[in-house]
């Protein structure tokens, strides 16, 4: 059990700093979509809106998303939490 203390500590540091940076970058994304202001480049090839409809509303959501992404090594929507910022997509 003691052997897992050091990797667990570094995992928590990575998740905490990742969650803080993700949360700060997501604050620039509008929470609600206004159809009048959407441009053609706000949609992906499947017709999904990319730059509005923020799902990361608090730091706990960001921490859960980062923890799931670090453990699963996959940046995809997790537990209904989806990132919309450029930083979040490249994390």
N, C-alpha and C. Protein backbone atom coordinates (compact mmCIF):
# COMPACT_ATOMS: atom_id res chain seq x y z
N UNK A 1 0.82 -1.20 0.00
CA UNK A 1 0.00 0.00 0.00
C UNK A 1 0.86 1.25 0.00
N UNK A 2 2.01 1.19 0.68
CA UNK A 2 2.90 2.34 0.72
C UNK A 2 3.51 2.64 -0.64
N UNK A 3 3.61 1.62 -1.48
CA UNK A 3 4.20 1.80 -2.81
C UNK A 3 3.30 2.65 -3.70
N UNK A 4 2.02 2.71 -3.40
CA UNK A 4 1.09 3.49 -4.22
C UNK A 4 0.96 4.94 -3.75
N UNK A 5 1.58 5.29 -2.65
CA UNK A 5 1.45 6.65 -2.12
C UNK A 5 2.11 7.68 -3.04
N UNK A 6 3.30 7.39 -3.51
CA UNK A 6 4.02 8.35 -4.36
C UNK A 6 3.33 8.51 -5.72
N UNK A 7 3.00 7.43 -6.45
CA UNK A 7 2.28 7.62 -7.72
C UNK A 7 0.91 8.28 -7.52
N UNK A 8 0.24 7.94 -6.44
CA UNK A 8 -1.06 8.57 -6.16
C UNK A 8 -0.92 10.06 -5.90
N UNK A 9 0.13 10.44 -5.20
CA UNK A 9 0.38 11.85 -4.93
C UNK A 9 0.61 12.62 -6.24
N UNK A 10 1.45 12.07 -7.12
CA UNK A 10 1.70 12.73 -8.40
C UNK A 10 0.47 12.73 -9.30
N UNK A 11 -0.35 11.69 -9.23
CA UNK A 11 -1.60 11.66 -9.98
C UNK A 11 -2.51 12.79 -9.52
N UNK A 12 -2.60 12.99 -8.21
CA UNK A 12 -3.43 14.07 -7.69
C UNK A 12 -2.90 15.44 -8.10
N UNK A 13 -1.59 15.61 -8.13
CA UNK A 13 -1.02 16.89 -8.56
C UNK A 13 -1.35 17.14 -10.03
N UNK A 14 -1.18 16.14 -10.87
CA UNK A 14 -1.47 16.29 -12.30
C UNK A 14 -2.95 16.60 -12.51
N UNK A 15 -3.83 15.89 -11.83
CA UNK A 15 -5.27 16.11 -11.97
C UNK A 15 -5.65 17.50 -11.46
N UNK A 16 -5.09 17.93 -10.34
CA UNK A 16 -5.45 19.24 -9.79
C UNK A 16 -5.02 20.37 -10.71
N UNK A 17 -3.78 20.36 -11.17
CA UNK A 17 -3.33 21.44 -12.06
C UNK A 17 -4.02 21.38 -13.41
N UNK A 18 -4.27 20.18 -13.91
CA UNK A 18 -5.03 20.04 -15.16
C UNK A 18 -6.44 20.55 -15.02
N UNK A 19 -7.07 20.25 -13.88
CA UNK A 19 -8.44 20.70 -13.66
C UNK A 19 -8.51 22.21 -13.52
N UNK A 20 -7.53 22.80 -12.86
CA UNK A 20 -7.52 24.26 -12.71
C UNK A 20 -7.35 24.95 -14.06
N UNK A 21 -6.43 24.46 -14.88
CA UNK A 21 -6.23 25.07 -16.19
C UNK A 21 -7.43 24.84 -17.10
N UNK A 22 -8.04 23.66 -17.01
CA UNK A 22 -9.23 23.36 -17.81
C UNK A 22 -10.40 24.25 -17.37
N UNK A 23 -10.58 24.40 -16.07
CA UNK A 23 -11.68 25.23 -15.57
C UNK A 23 -11.51 26.68 -16.00
N UNK A 24 -10.29 27.20 -15.91
CA UNK A 24 -10.06 28.59 -16.33
C UNK A 24 -10.26 28.78 -17.82
N UNK A 25 -9.83 27.83 -18.63
CA UNK A 25 -10.03 27.97 -20.08
C UNK A 25 -11.49 27.82 -20.47
N UNK A 26 -12.25 27.04 -19.74
CA UNK A 26 -13.66 26.85 -20.05
C UNK A 26 -14.51 28.08 -19.69
N UNK A 27 -14.00 28.96 -18.85
CA UNK A 27 -14.77 30.14 -18.47
C UNK A 27 -14.94 31.11 -19.63
N UNK A 28 -14.11 31.00 -20.67
CA UNK A 28 -14.24 31.86 -21.85
C UNK A 28 -15.32 31.37 -22.79
N UNK A 29 -15.83 30.16 -22.57
CA UNK A 29 -16.86 29.59 -23.44
C UNK A 29 -18.23 30.00 -22.93
N UNK A 30 -19.11 30.51 -23.80
CA UNK A 30 -20.45 30.89 -23.34
C UNK A 30 -21.22 29.68 -22.81
N UNK A 31 -21.99 29.91 -21.76
CA UNK A 31 -22.73 28.81 -21.14
C UNK A 31 -23.92 28.38 -21.98
N UNK A 32 -24.53 29.33 -22.66
CA UNK A 32 -25.71 29.02 -23.48
C UNK A 32 -25.45 29.43 -24.92
N UNK A 33 -25.97 28.68 -25.86
CA UNK A 33 -25.81 28.98 -27.28
C UNK A 33 -26.87 29.97 -27.73
N UNK A 34 -26.42 30.99 -28.43
CA UNK A 34 -27.33 31.94 -29.05
C UNK A 34 -27.31 31.68 -30.55
N UNK A 35 -28.37 31.15 -31.13
CA UNK A 35 -28.36 30.79 -32.54
C UNK A 35 -28.02 31.96 -33.48
N UNK A 36 -28.31 33.18 -33.05
CA UNK A 36 -28.04 34.33 -33.91
C UNK A 36 -26.55 34.62 -34.04
N UNK A 37 -25.76 34.22 -33.06
CA UNK A 37 -24.32 34.54 -33.09
C UNK A 37 -23.45 33.38 -33.56
N UNK A 38 -24.04 32.23 -33.84
CA UNK A 38 -23.25 31.09 -34.29
C UNK A 38 -22.77 31.31 -35.72
N UNK A 39 -21.50 31.07 -35.94
CA UNK A 39 -20.92 31.18 -37.28
C UNK A 39 -20.72 29.78 -37.85
N UNK A 40 -20.36 29.73 -39.11
CA UNK A 40 -20.18 28.43 -39.77
C UNK A 40 -19.03 27.64 -39.16
N UNK A 41 -17.99 28.32 -38.63
CA UNK A 41 -16.87 27.59 -38.06
C UNK A 41 -17.11 27.14 -36.63
N UNK A 42 -18.30 27.37 -36.09
CA UNK A 42 -18.64 26.92 -34.75
C UNK A 42 -19.20 25.50 -34.74
N UNK A 43 -19.25 24.85 -35.89
CA UNK A 43 -19.78 23.49 -35.99
C UNK A 43 -18.70 22.55 -36.51
N UNK A 44 -18.74 21.30 -36.04
CA UNK A 44 -17.82 20.31 -36.58
C UNK A 44 -18.47 19.61 -37.76
N UNK A 45 -17.83 18.59 -38.30
CA UNK A 45 -18.34 17.92 -39.50
C UNK A 45 -19.65 17.18 -39.24
N UNK A 46 -19.91 16.82 -37.99
CA UNK A 46 -21.16 16.14 -37.66
C UNK A 46 -22.31 17.07 -37.33
N UNK A 47 -22.06 18.38 -37.35
CA UNK A 47 -23.10 19.35 -37.05
C UNK A 47 -23.22 19.68 -35.58
N UNK A 48 -22.28 19.20 -34.76
CA UNK A 48 -22.30 19.51 -33.34
C UNK A 48 -21.68 20.87 -33.08
N UNK A 49 -22.24 21.60 -32.14
CA UNK A 49 -21.73 22.93 -31.81
C UNK A 49 -20.44 22.77 -31.02
N UNK A 50 -19.40 23.51 -31.43
CA UNK A 50 -18.09 23.38 -30.80
C UNK A 50 -17.83 24.41 -29.71
N UNK A 51 -18.23 25.65 -29.91
CA UNK A 51 -17.74 26.73 -29.05
C UNK A 51 -18.78 27.35 -28.14
N UNK A 52 -19.85 26.69 -27.87
CA UNK A 52 -20.79 27.19 -26.86
C UNK A 52 -21.48 26.01 -26.21
N UNK A 53 -22.22 26.28 -25.16
CA UNK A 53 -22.86 25.20 -24.42
C UNK A 53 -21.91 24.55 -23.44
N UNK A 54 -21.26 25.39 -22.64
CA UNK A 54 -20.25 24.92 -21.69
C UNK A 54 -20.84 23.89 -20.73
N UNK A 55 -20.11 22.82 -20.50
CA UNK A 55 -20.54 21.76 -19.59
C UNK A 55 -19.74 21.74 -18.30
N UNK A 56 -18.54 22.32 -18.31
CA UNK A 56 -17.70 22.37 -17.11
C UNK A 56 -18.09 23.64 -16.35
N UNK A 57 -18.98 23.48 -15.38
CA UNK A 57 -19.53 24.65 -14.68
C UNK A 57 -18.83 24.94 -13.36
N UNK A 58 -18.15 23.95 -12.80
CA UNK A 58 -17.44 24.18 -11.53
C UNK A 58 -16.14 23.37 -11.51
N UNK A 59 -15.34 23.61 -10.50
CA UNK A 59 -14.03 22.96 -10.40
C UNK A 59 -14.16 21.46 -10.20
N UNK A 60 -15.19 21.01 -9.53
CA UNK A 60 -15.38 19.57 -9.31
C UNK A 60 -15.63 18.85 -10.64
N UNK A 61 -16.41 19.46 -11.54
CA UNK A 61 -16.61 18.86 -12.87
C UNK A 61 -15.28 18.76 -13.61
N UNK A 62 -14.46 19.80 -13.51
CA UNK A 62 -13.16 19.78 -14.18
C UNK A 62 -12.26 18.70 -13.59
N UNK A 63 -12.30 18.53 -12.27
CA UNK A 63 -11.47 17.50 -11.64
C UNK A 63 -11.91 16.09 -12.03
N UNK A 64 -13.22 15.86 -12.08
CA UNK A 64 -13.73 14.55 -12.49
C UNK A 64 -13.33 14.27 -13.93
N UNK A 65 -13.49 15.27 -14.81
CA UNK A 65 -13.13 15.09 -16.21
C UNK A 65 -11.65 14.79 -16.36
N UNK A 66 -10.79 15.54 -15.66
CA UNK A 66 -9.34 15.31 -15.75
C UNK A 66 -8.95 13.95 -15.20
N UNK A 67 -9.55 13.54 -14.10
CA UNK A 67 -9.24 12.24 -13.52
C UNK A 67 -9.61 11.11 -14.48
N UNK A 68 -10.79 11.20 -15.09
CA UNK A 68 -11.22 10.18 -16.03
C UNK A 68 -10.30 10.16 -17.25
N UNK A 69 -9.90 11.34 -17.74
CA UNK A 69 -9.03 11.40 -18.91
C UNK A 69 -7.63 10.87 -18.61
N UNK A 70 -7.11 11.16 -17.42
CA UNK A 70 -5.78 10.66 -17.07
C UNK A 70 -5.80 9.15 -16.91
N UNK A 71 -6.82 8.61 -16.29
CA UNK A 71 -6.87 7.17 -16.05
C UNK A 71 -7.18 6.40 -17.34
N UNK A 72 -8.10 6.92 -18.16
CA UNK A 72 -8.50 6.19 -19.36
C UNK A 72 -7.67 6.55 -20.59
N UNK A 73 -6.87 7.60 -20.51
CA UNK A 73 -6.04 8.08 -21.63
C UNK A 73 -6.92 8.35 -22.85
N UNK A 74 -8.06 8.96 -22.64
CA UNK A 74 -8.99 9.27 -23.72
C UNK A 74 -9.68 10.59 -23.40
N UNK A 75 -9.60 11.55 -24.31
CA UNK A 75 -10.24 12.84 -24.10
C UNK A 75 -11.57 12.82 -24.86
N UNK A 76 -12.58 12.34 -24.19
CA UNK A 76 -13.92 12.29 -24.76
C UNK A 76 -14.91 12.65 -23.64
N UNK A 77 -16.15 12.94 -24.00
CA UNK A 77 -17.12 13.27 -22.95
C UNK A 77 -17.21 12.17 -21.90
N UNK A 78 -17.19 12.58 -20.63
CA UNK A 78 -17.25 11.63 -19.53
C UNK A 78 -18.30 12.08 -18.54
N UNK A 79 -19.23 11.22 -18.21
CA UNK A 79 -20.30 11.52 -17.25
C UNK A 79 -21.08 12.76 -17.64
N UNK A 80 -21.28 12.97 -18.93
CA UNK A 80 -22.02 14.14 -19.40
C UNK A 80 -21.21 15.42 -19.39
N UNK A 81 -19.93 15.34 -19.07
CA UNK A 81 -19.06 16.52 -19.04
C UNK A 81 -18.27 16.53 -20.34
N UNK A 82 -18.41 17.61 -21.09
CA UNK A 82 -17.71 17.75 -22.36
C UNK A 82 -17.02 19.10 -22.40
N UNK A 83 -15.78 19.13 -22.85
CA UNK A 83 -15.05 20.39 -22.93
C UNK A 83 -15.30 21.05 -24.27
N UNK A 84 -15.37 22.38 -24.25
CA UNK A 84 -15.64 23.13 -25.47
C UNK A 84 -14.49 24.06 -25.84
N UNK A 85 -13.56 24.32 -24.94
CA UNK A 85 -12.48 25.25 -25.23
C UNK A 85 -11.36 24.56 -26.00
N UNK A 86 -10.52 25.36 -26.64
CA UNK A 86 -9.38 24.81 -27.38
C UNK A 86 -8.41 24.11 -26.45
N UNK A 87 -8.16 24.70 -25.29
CA UNK A 87 -7.24 24.09 -24.32
C UNK A 87 -7.77 22.74 -23.86
N UNK A 88 -9.07 22.65 -23.63
CA UNK A 88 -9.67 21.41 -23.17
C UNK A 88 -9.59 20.30 -24.21
N UNK A 89 -9.70 20.65 -25.47
CA UNK A 89 -9.63 19.64 -26.51
C UNK A 89 -8.22 19.13 -26.73
N UNK A 90 -7.22 19.95 -26.43
CA UNK A 90 -5.83 19.55 -26.64
C UNK A 90 -5.18 19.01 -25.38
N UNK A 91 -5.91 18.95 -24.29
CA UNK A 91 -5.33 18.47 -23.04
C UNK A 91 -5.11 16.97 -23.09
